[in-house]
Amino acid sequence: MKNDNHEKALDCSDVFAKNALTIESFEEASDALLSLKKADKSRARDVALQILHERIGDAFYHALAFEVLYAVSLGDAVVYIEKNARQESVYVLGAMLTAVAEDVGALDGHDEILKAVSLLRQALALRPAEDLQELSTKRAWFEEAYP
């Protein structure tokens, strides 16, 4: 019985991963990615990274993929911030700012969050004025969280 449940979970994860990577409908793909996050964090990490690296979907979908990555693998999310925050779309950068700002209360024992704060500050300093204007609300929240 236990083995059957494990196999069903794997089957569901496979379906969720396939639907998240094969975008027939953004709503279905988003639902699949979020379901995968709940069902199999390791697989969700891999799929989120694949979406981000292969640029699957649009900027809004990439932002969701980053949010999932941050939720399931903080270390991988910080590495992604380090390598990509300076040139990512404003939507993904906004997702980065929001995710890190939401974690302001979880700093104890999470040096990765402080590293992300530093990296995001550097990225913001290099962004054009129009990007900063578009990010003004999220940037203000981030700066309020980390003065």
N, C-alpha and C. Protein backbone atom coordinates (compact mmCIF):
# COMPACT_ATOMS: atom_id res chain seq x y z
N MET A 1 0.83 -1.19 0.00
CA MET A 1 0.00 0.00 0.00
C MET A 1 0.87 1.26 0.00
N LYS A 2 1.89 1.29 0.88
CA LYS A 2 2.77 2.44 0.95
C LYS A 2 3.49 2.65 -0.38
N ASN A 3 3.92 1.58 -1.01
CA ASN A 3 4.59 1.65 -2.29
C ASN A 3 3.67 2.20 -3.38
N ASP A 4 2.40 1.80 -3.35
CA ASP A 4 1.43 2.30 -4.33
C ASP A 4 1.26 3.81 -4.19
N ASN A 5 1.19 4.31 -2.97
CA ASN A 5 1.06 5.75 -2.75
C ASN A 5 2.29 6.50 -3.26
N HIS A 6 3.47 5.92 -3.05
CA HIS A 6 4.70 6.54 -3.53
C HIS A 6 4.70 6.60 -5.07
N GLU A 7 4.28 5.52 -5.70
CA GLU A 7 4.22 5.49 -7.17
C GLU A 7 3.20 6.50 -7.70
N LYS A 8 2.05 6.63 -7.03
CA LYS A 8 1.05 7.61 -7.45
C LYS A 8 1.59 9.02 -7.32
N ALA A 9 2.34 9.28 -6.23
CA ALA A 9 2.93 10.61 -6.04
C ALA A 9 3.93 10.90 -7.16
N LEU A 10 4.72 9.89 -7.54
CA LEU A 10 5.67 10.08 -8.64
C LEU A 10 4.94 10.33 -9.95
N ASP A 11 3.86 9.58 -10.19
CA ASP A 11 3.08 9.79 -11.41
C ASP A 11 2.52 11.20 -11.45
N CYS A 12 1.97 11.66 -10.34
CA CYS A 12 1.44 13.03 -10.28
C CYS A 12 2.53 14.04 -10.52
N SER A 13 3.71 13.82 -9.92
CA SER A 13 4.82 14.74 -10.12
C SER A 13 5.22 14.80 -11.58
N ASP A 14 5.22 13.65 -12.24
CA ASP A 14 5.56 13.62 -13.66
C ASP A 14 4.56 14.43 -14.48
N VAL A 15 3.29 14.27 -14.17
CA VAL A 15 2.23 15.00 -14.88
C VAL A 15 2.36 16.49 -14.61
N PHE A 16 2.56 16.86 -13.35
CA PHE A 16 2.70 18.28 -13.01
C PHE A 16 3.91 18.88 -13.73
N ALA A 17 5.03 18.17 -13.71
CA ALA A 17 6.24 18.67 -14.36
C ALA A 17 6.02 18.85 -15.86
N LYS A 18 5.41 17.86 -16.49
CA LYS A 18 5.15 17.95 -17.93
C LYS A 18 4.24 19.13 -18.24
N ASN A 19 3.19 19.30 -17.46
CA ASN A 19 2.26 20.41 -17.70
C ASN A 19 2.89 21.77 -17.42
N ALA A 20 3.82 21.82 -16.48
CA ALA A 20 4.49 23.08 -16.17
C ALA A 20 5.47 23.47 -17.26
N LEU A 21 6.02 22.48 -17.94
CA LEU A 21 7.02 22.74 -18.99
C LEU A 21 6.44 22.83 -20.39
N THR A 22 5.25 22.26 -20.58
CA THR A 22 4.58 22.30 -21.88
C THR A 22 3.40 23.24 -21.73
N ILE A 23 3.60 24.45 -22.12
CA ILE A 23 2.59 25.47 -21.85
C ILE A 23 1.53 25.49 -22.94
N GLU A 24 0.44 24.81 -22.63
CA GLU A 24 -0.72 24.88 -23.53
C GLU A 24 -1.64 25.99 -23.06
N SER A 25 -1.66 26.20 -21.76
CA SER A 25 -2.43 27.26 -21.13
C SER A 25 -1.61 27.75 -19.95
N PHE A 26 -1.41 29.07 -19.85
CA PHE A 26 -0.60 29.58 -18.75
C PHE A 26 -1.24 29.29 -17.40
N GLU A 27 -2.56 29.30 -17.35
CA GLU A 27 -3.25 29.00 -16.09
C GLU A 27 -2.97 27.55 -15.68
N GLU A 28 -3.07 26.63 -16.63
CA GLU A 28 -2.81 25.22 -16.32
C GLU A 28 -1.34 25.00 -15.96
N ALA A 29 -0.45 25.66 -16.69
CA ALA A 29 0.98 25.51 -16.40
C ALA A 29 1.30 26.06 -15.01
N SER A 30 0.74 27.20 -14.68
CA SER A 30 0.96 27.80 -13.36
C SER A 30 0.42 26.90 -12.26
N ASP A 31 -0.79 26.38 -12.46
CA ASP A 31 -1.39 25.46 -11.48
C ASP A 31 -0.52 24.22 -11.32
N ALA A 32 0.00 23.70 -12.42
CA ALA A 32 0.84 22.51 -12.38
C ALA A 32 2.13 22.78 -11.61
N LEU A 33 2.73 23.94 -11.86
CA LEU A 33 3.97 24.29 -11.16
C LEU A 33 3.72 24.43 -9.66
N LEU A 34 2.63 25.06 -9.30
CA LEU A 34 2.31 25.21 -7.88
C LEU A 34 1.94 23.87 -7.23
N SER A 35 1.28 23.01 -7.97
CA SER A 35 0.97 21.67 -7.45
C SER A 35 2.24 20.85 -7.28
N LEU A 36 3.16 21.00 -8.22
CA LEU A 36 4.44 20.29 -8.12
C LEU A 36 5.21 20.76 -6.89
N LYS A 37 5.14 22.05 -6.60
CA LYS A 37 5.79 22.60 -5.40
C LYS A 37 5.30 21.89 -4.14
N LYS A 38 4.01 21.60 -4.09
CA LYS A 38 3.44 20.91 -2.93
C LYS A 38 3.77 19.42 -2.93
N ALA A 39 3.81 18.81 -4.11
CA ALA A 39 3.95 17.36 -4.21
C ALA A 39 5.40 16.88 -4.14
N ASP A 40 6.32 17.65 -4.71
CA ASP A 40 7.70 17.16 -4.83
C ASP A 40 8.64 18.36 -4.95
N LYS A 41 9.16 18.82 -3.82
CA LYS A 41 9.98 20.04 -3.79
C LYS A 41 11.24 19.92 -4.66
N SER A 42 11.86 18.76 -4.65
CA SER A 42 13.07 18.56 -5.44
C SER A 42 12.77 18.69 -6.93
N ARG A 43 11.70 18.07 -7.35
CA ARG A 43 11.30 18.15 -8.76
C ARG A 43 10.86 19.58 -9.12
N ALA A 44 10.17 20.25 -8.19
CA ALA A 44 9.75 21.63 -8.42
C ALA A 44 10.97 22.53 -8.61
N ARG A 45 12.01 22.29 -7.83
CA ARG A 45 13.26 23.03 -7.97
C ARG A 45 13.82 22.86 -9.38
N ASP A 46 13.91 21.62 -9.82
CA ASP A 46 14.46 21.34 -11.15
C ASP A 46 13.63 21.99 -12.26
N VAL A 47 12.32 21.89 -12.14
CA VAL A 47 11.43 22.45 -13.17
C VAL A 47 11.50 23.97 -13.16
N ALA A 48 11.51 24.57 -11.98
CA ALA A 48 11.61 26.04 -11.90
C ALA A 48 12.91 26.53 -12.54
N LEU A 49 14.01 25.85 -12.23
CA LEU A 49 15.28 26.23 -12.85
C LEU A 49 15.25 26.05 -14.36
N GLN A 50 14.63 24.98 -14.82
CA GLN A 50 14.53 24.75 -16.26
C GLN A 50 13.72 25.88 -16.92
N ILE A 51 12.62 26.26 -16.32
CA ILE A 51 11.79 27.34 -16.85
C ILE A 51 12.62 28.63 -16.94
N LEU A 52 13.36 28.93 -15.89
CA LEU A 52 14.16 30.14 -15.86
C LEU A 52 15.32 30.10 -16.86
N HIS A 53 16.05 29.01 -16.87
CA HIS A 53 17.22 28.92 -17.75
C HIS A 53 16.86 28.81 -19.22
N GLU A 54 15.79 28.10 -19.52
CA GLU A 54 15.40 27.90 -20.92
C GLU A 54 14.39 28.95 -21.39
N ARG A 55 14.03 29.86 -20.49
CA ARG A 55 13.10 30.95 -20.81
C ARG A 55 11.77 30.41 -21.34
N ILE A 56 11.24 29.41 -20.67
CA ILE A 56 9.97 28.81 -21.05
C ILE A 56 8.85 29.73 -20.58
N GLY A 57 7.97 30.10 -21.47
CA GLY A 57 6.87 30.98 -21.11
C GLY A 57 7.27 32.44 -21.17
N ASP A 58 6.44 33.28 -20.56
CA ASP A 58 6.69 34.71 -20.59
C ASP A 58 7.30 35.19 -19.27
N ALA A 59 7.53 36.49 -19.16
CA ALA A 59 8.17 37.06 -17.97
C ALA A 59 7.35 36.81 -16.70
N PHE A 60 6.03 36.81 -16.82
CA PHE A 60 5.19 36.56 -15.65
C PHE A 60 5.37 35.13 -15.16
N TYR A 61 5.49 34.20 -16.10
CA TYR A 61 5.70 32.80 -15.74
C TYR A 61 7.09 32.61 -15.13
N HIS A 62 8.06 33.34 -15.63
CA HIS A 62 9.41 33.27 -15.06
C HIS A 62 9.38 33.77 -13.61
N ALA A 63 8.61 34.83 -13.36
CA ALA A 63 8.49 35.35 -12.00
C ALA A 63 7.89 34.29 -11.07
N LEU A 64 6.86 33.59 -11.54
CA LEU A 64 6.28 32.51 -10.74
C LEU A 64 7.31 31.41 -10.51
N ALA A 65 8.06 31.06 -11.54
CA ALA A 65 9.09 30.02 -11.40
C ALA A 65 10.12 30.44 -10.36
N PHE A 66 10.48 31.73 -10.35
CA PHE A 66 11.43 32.18 -9.33
C PHE A 66 10.81 32.05 -7.93
N GLU A 67 9.55 32.44 -7.79
CA GLU A 67 8.88 32.33 -6.49
C GLU A 67 8.88 30.88 -5.99
N VAL A 68 8.62 29.95 -6.90
CA VAL A 68 8.64 28.53 -6.53
C VAL A 68 10.06 28.12 -6.15
N LEU A 69 11.03 28.52 -6.94
CA LEU A 69 12.42 28.19 -6.63
C LEU A 69 12.81 28.71 -5.25
N TYR A 70 12.45 29.95 -4.96
CA TYR A 70 12.79 30.55 -3.67
C TYR A 70 12.14 29.77 -2.52
N ALA A 71 10.91 29.34 -2.72
CA ALA A 71 10.18 28.62 -1.68
C ALA A 71 10.75 27.23 -1.42
N VAL A 72 11.27 26.57 -2.45
CA VAL A 72 11.71 25.18 -2.28
C VAL A 72 13.22 25.03 -2.13
N SER A 73 13.98 26.05 -2.56
CA SER A 73 15.44 25.92 -2.49
C SER A 73 16.08 27.31 -2.41
N LEU A 74 16.14 27.82 -1.20
CA LEU A 74 16.68 29.16 -0.98
C LEU A 74 18.10 29.30 -1.55
N GLY A 75 18.92 28.32 -1.33
CA GLY A 75 20.30 28.37 -1.83
C GLY A 75 20.36 28.52 -3.34
N ASP A 76 19.56 27.75 -4.05
CA ASP A 76 19.54 27.84 -5.51
C ASP A 76 18.96 29.18 -5.97
N ALA A 77 17.98 29.69 -5.23
CA ALA A 77 17.40 30.99 -5.57
C ALA A 77 18.44 32.10 -5.42
N VAL A 78 19.25 32.03 -4.38
CA VAL A 78 20.29 33.05 -4.17
C VAL A 78 21.34 32.96 -5.28
N VAL A 79 21.70 31.77 -5.67
CA VAL A 79 22.64 31.61 -6.80
C VAL A 79 22.04 32.21 -8.06
N TYR A 80 20.75 31.98 -8.27
CA TYR A 80 20.08 32.56 -9.45
C TYR A 80 20.08 34.09 -9.37
N ILE A 81 19.81 34.63 -8.19
CA ILE A 81 19.86 36.09 -8.02
C ILE A 81 21.25 36.60 -8.36
N GLU A 82 22.26 35.93 -7.84
CA GLU A 82 23.65 36.36 -8.05
C GLU A 82 24.00 36.40 -9.54
N LYS A 83 23.57 35.42 -10.27
CA LYS A 83 23.93 35.33 -11.69
C LYS A 83 23.03 36.13 -12.62
N ASN A 84 21.80 36.44 -12.18
CA ASN A 84 20.82 36.98 -13.13
C ASN A 84 20.09 38.26 -12.75
N ALA A 85 20.16 38.69 -11.51
CA ALA A 85 19.34 39.82 -11.07
C ALA A 85 19.61 41.10 -11.86
N ARG A 86 20.83 41.28 -12.29
CA ARG A 86 21.18 42.53 -12.98
C ARG A 86 20.54 42.65 -14.34
N GLN A 87 20.27 41.53 -14.99
CA GLN A 87 19.71 41.60 -16.34
C GLN A 87 18.33 40.97 -16.48
N GLU A 88 17.78 40.45 -15.38
CA GLU A 88 16.45 39.83 -15.44
C GLU A 88 15.39 40.87 -15.76
N SER A 89 14.25 40.38 -16.23
CA SER A 89 13.12 41.27 -16.48
C SER A 89 12.68 41.92 -15.18
N VAL A 90 11.99 43.04 -15.29
CA VAL A 90 11.52 43.72 -14.08
C VAL A 90 10.52 42.84 -13.32
N TYR A 91 9.81 41.97 -14.01
CA TYR A 91 8.85 41.10 -13.34
C TYR A 91 9.55 40.09 -12.44
N VAL A 92 10.62 39.50 -12.94
CA VAL A 92 11.37 38.54 -12.13
C VAL A 92 12.12 39.27 -11.02
N LEU A 93 12.70 40.41 -11.33
CA LEU A 93 13.37 41.19 -10.29
C LEU A 93 12.38 41.59 -9.20
N GLY A 94 11.17 41.94 -9.59
CA GLY A 94 10.12 42.24 -8.62
C GLY A 94 9.80 41.05 -7.75
N ALA A 95 9.75 39.86 -8.35
CA ALA A 95 9.50 38.64 -7.58
C ALA A 95 10.64 38.38 -6.60
N MET A 96 11.86 38.67 -7.04
CA MET A 96 13.01 38.52 -6.15
C MET A 96 12.90 39.46 -4.95
N LEU A 97 12.60 40.72 -5.22
CA LEU A 97 12.47 41.71 -4.16
C LEU A 97 11.38 41.31 -3.16
N THR A 98 10.26 40.88 -3.69
CA THR A 98 9.13 40.50 -2.84
C THR A 98 9.47 39.29 -1.98
N ALA A 99 10.05 38.27 -2.59
CA ALA A 99 10.36 37.05 -1.83
C ALA A 99 11.32 37.35 -0.68
N VAL A 100 12.34 38.14 -0.96
CA VAL A 100 13.33 38.46 0.07
C VAL A 100 12.73 39.37 1.13
N ALA A 101 11.92 40.33 0.73
CA ALA A 101 11.27 41.23 1.70
C ALA A 101 10.34 40.45 2.62
N GLU A 102 9.64 39.47 2.09
CA GLU A 102 8.74 38.65 2.91
C GLU A 102 9.50 37.86 3.97
N ASP A 103 10.79 37.59 3.73
CA ASP A 103 11.59 36.79 4.66
C ASP A 103 12.33 37.62 5.70
N VAL A 104 12.00 38.89 5.82
CA VAL A 104 12.72 39.75 6.76
C VAL A 104 12.70 39.20 8.18
N GLY A 105 11.67 38.51 8.57
CA GLY A 105 11.58 37.94 9.92
C GLY A 105 12.29 36.62 10.08
N ALA A 106 12.86 36.09 9.01
CA ALA A 106 13.48 34.76 9.05
C ALA A 106 14.99 34.82 8.88
N LEU A 107 15.60 35.91 9.29
CA LEU A 107 17.03 36.10 9.06
C LEU A 107 17.92 35.20 9.91
N ASP A 108 17.49 34.89 11.13
CA ASP A 108 18.32 34.09 12.01
C ASP A 108 18.66 32.75 11.38
N GLY A 109 19.95 32.51 11.23
CA GLY A 109 20.41 31.25 10.67
C GLY A 109 20.28 31.14 9.16
N HIS A 110 19.91 32.23 8.50
CA HIS A 110 19.77 32.20 7.04
C HIS A 110 20.65 33.27 6.41
N ASP A 111 21.95 33.02 6.39
CA ASP A 111 22.88 33.97 5.79
C ASP A 111 22.58 34.17 4.30
N GLU A 112 21.92 33.18 3.68
CA GLU A 112 21.59 33.31 2.26
C GLU A 112 20.68 34.51 2.01
N ILE A 113 19.79 34.79 2.96
CA ILE A 113 18.87 35.92 2.79
C ILE A 113 19.65 37.23 2.78
N LEU A 114 20.60 37.35 3.71
CA LEU A 114 21.41 38.56 3.74
C LEU A 114 22.26 38.71 2.48
N LYS A 115 22.73 37.60 1.96
CA LYS A 115 23.47 37.64 0.70
C LYS A 115 22.55 38.10 -0.42
N ALA A 116 21.32 37.60 -0.44
CA ALA A 116 20.36 38.01 -1.46
C ALA A 116 20.06 39.50 -1.36
N VAL A 117 19.94 40.02 -0.15
CA VAL A 117 19.69 41.45 0.05
C VAL A 117 20.82 42.25 -0.58
N SER A 118 22.04 41.86 -0.29
CA SER A 118 23.20 42.57 -0.84
C SER A 118 23.22 42.50 -2.37
N LEU A 119 22.97 41.33 -2.91
CA LEU A 119 22.97 41.16 -4.37
C LEU A 119 21.87 41.98 -5.03
N LEU A 120 20.71 42.01 -4.40
CA LEU A 120 19.59 42.78 -4.97
C LEU A 120 19.86 44.28 -4.90
N ARG A 121 20.49 44.73 -3.84
CA ARG A 121 20.87 46.15 -3.76
C ARG A 121 21.82 46.50 -4.90
N GLN A 122 22.78 45.63 -5.16
CA GLN A 122 23.73 45.86 -6.26
C GLN A 122 23.00 45.90 -7.60
N ALA A 123 22.07 44.98 -7.79
CA ALA A 123 21.32 44.92 -9.04
C ALA A 123 20.48 46.18 -9.23
N LEU A 124 19.83 46.63 -8.16
CA LEU A 124 18.99 47.83 -8.25
C LEU A 124 19.83 49.06 -8.59
N ALA A 125 21.04 49.12 -8.07
CA ALA A 125 21.91 50.27 -8.32
C ALA A 125 22.30 50.36 -9.81
N LEU A 126 22.23 49.26 -10.50
CA LEU A 126 22.65 49.23 -11.91
C LEU A 126 21.48 49.28 -12.90
N ARG A 127 20.27 49.26 -12.39
CA ARG A 127 19.10 49.23 -13.29
C ARG A 127 18.76 50.63 -13.78
N PRO A 128 18.24 50.72 -15.01
CA PRO A 128 17.84 52.03 -15.54
C PRO A 128 16.66 52.61 -14.76
N ALA A 129 16.53 53.93 -14.85
CA ALA A 129 15.49 54.65 -14.10
C ALA A 129 14.09 54.12 -14.40
N GLU A 130 13.82 53.76 -15.66
CA GLU A 130 12.48 53.26 -16.01
C GLU A 130 12.17 51.94 -15.32
N ASP A 131 13.18 51.09 -15.14
CA ASP A 131 12.98 49.84 -14.40
C ASP A 131 12.67 50.15 -12.93
N LEU A 132 13.42 51.07 -12.36
CA LEU A 132 13.22 51.43 -10.96
C LEU A 132 11.84 52.03 -10.74
N GLN A 133 11.39 52.81 -11.72
CA GLN A 133 10.04 53.39 -11.61
C GLN A 133 8.99 52.28 -11.63
N GLU A 134 9.17 51.32 -12.52
CA GLU A 134 8.22 50.21 -12.62
C GLU A 134 8.22 49.35 -11.36
N LEU A 135 9.35 49.31 -10.69
CA LEU A 135 9.51 48.50 -9.48
C LEU A 135 9.30 49.31 -8.20
N SER A 136 8.82 50.51 -8.31
CA SER A 136 8.83 51.43 -7.17
C SER A 136 8.15 50.86 -5.93
N THR A 137 7.00 50.25 -6.05
CA THR A 137 6.29 49.72 -4.89
C THR A 137 7.06 48.56 -4.26
N LYS A 138 7.52 47.63 -5.08
CA LYS A 138 8.25 46.47 -4.56
C LYS A 138 9.60 46.90 -4.00
N ARG A 139 10.22 47.86 -4.66
CA ARG A 139 11.51 48.37 -4.18
C ARG A 139 11.33 49.06 -2.83
N ALA A 140 10.27 49.85 -2.68
CA ALA A 140 10.01 50.54 -1.41
C ALA A 140 9.79 49.53 -0.29
N TRP A 141 9.04 48.47 -0.57
CA TRP A 141 8.80 47.43 0.43
C TRP A 141 10.11 46.74 0.82
N PHE A 142 10.93 46.43 -0.17
CA PHE A 142 12.23 45.81 0.05
C PHE A 142 13.11 46.73 0.91
N GLU A 143 13.18 48.01 0.56
CA GLU A 143 14.02 48.95 1.29
C GLU A 143 13.49 49.21 2.70
N GLU A 144 12.19 49.12 2.88
CA GLU A 144 11.61 49.25 4.21
C GLU A 144 11.97 48.03 5.07
N ALA A 145 11.98 46.86 4.45
CA ALA A 145 12.32 45.64 5.17
C ALA A 145 13.80 45.60 5.54
N TYR A 146 14.64 46.14 4.67
CA TYR A 146 16.10 46.13 4.87
C TYR A 146 16.66 47.54 4.70
N PRO A 147 16.46 48.39 5.72
CA PRO A 147 16.92 49.79 5.60
C PRO A 147 18.45 49.92 5.55
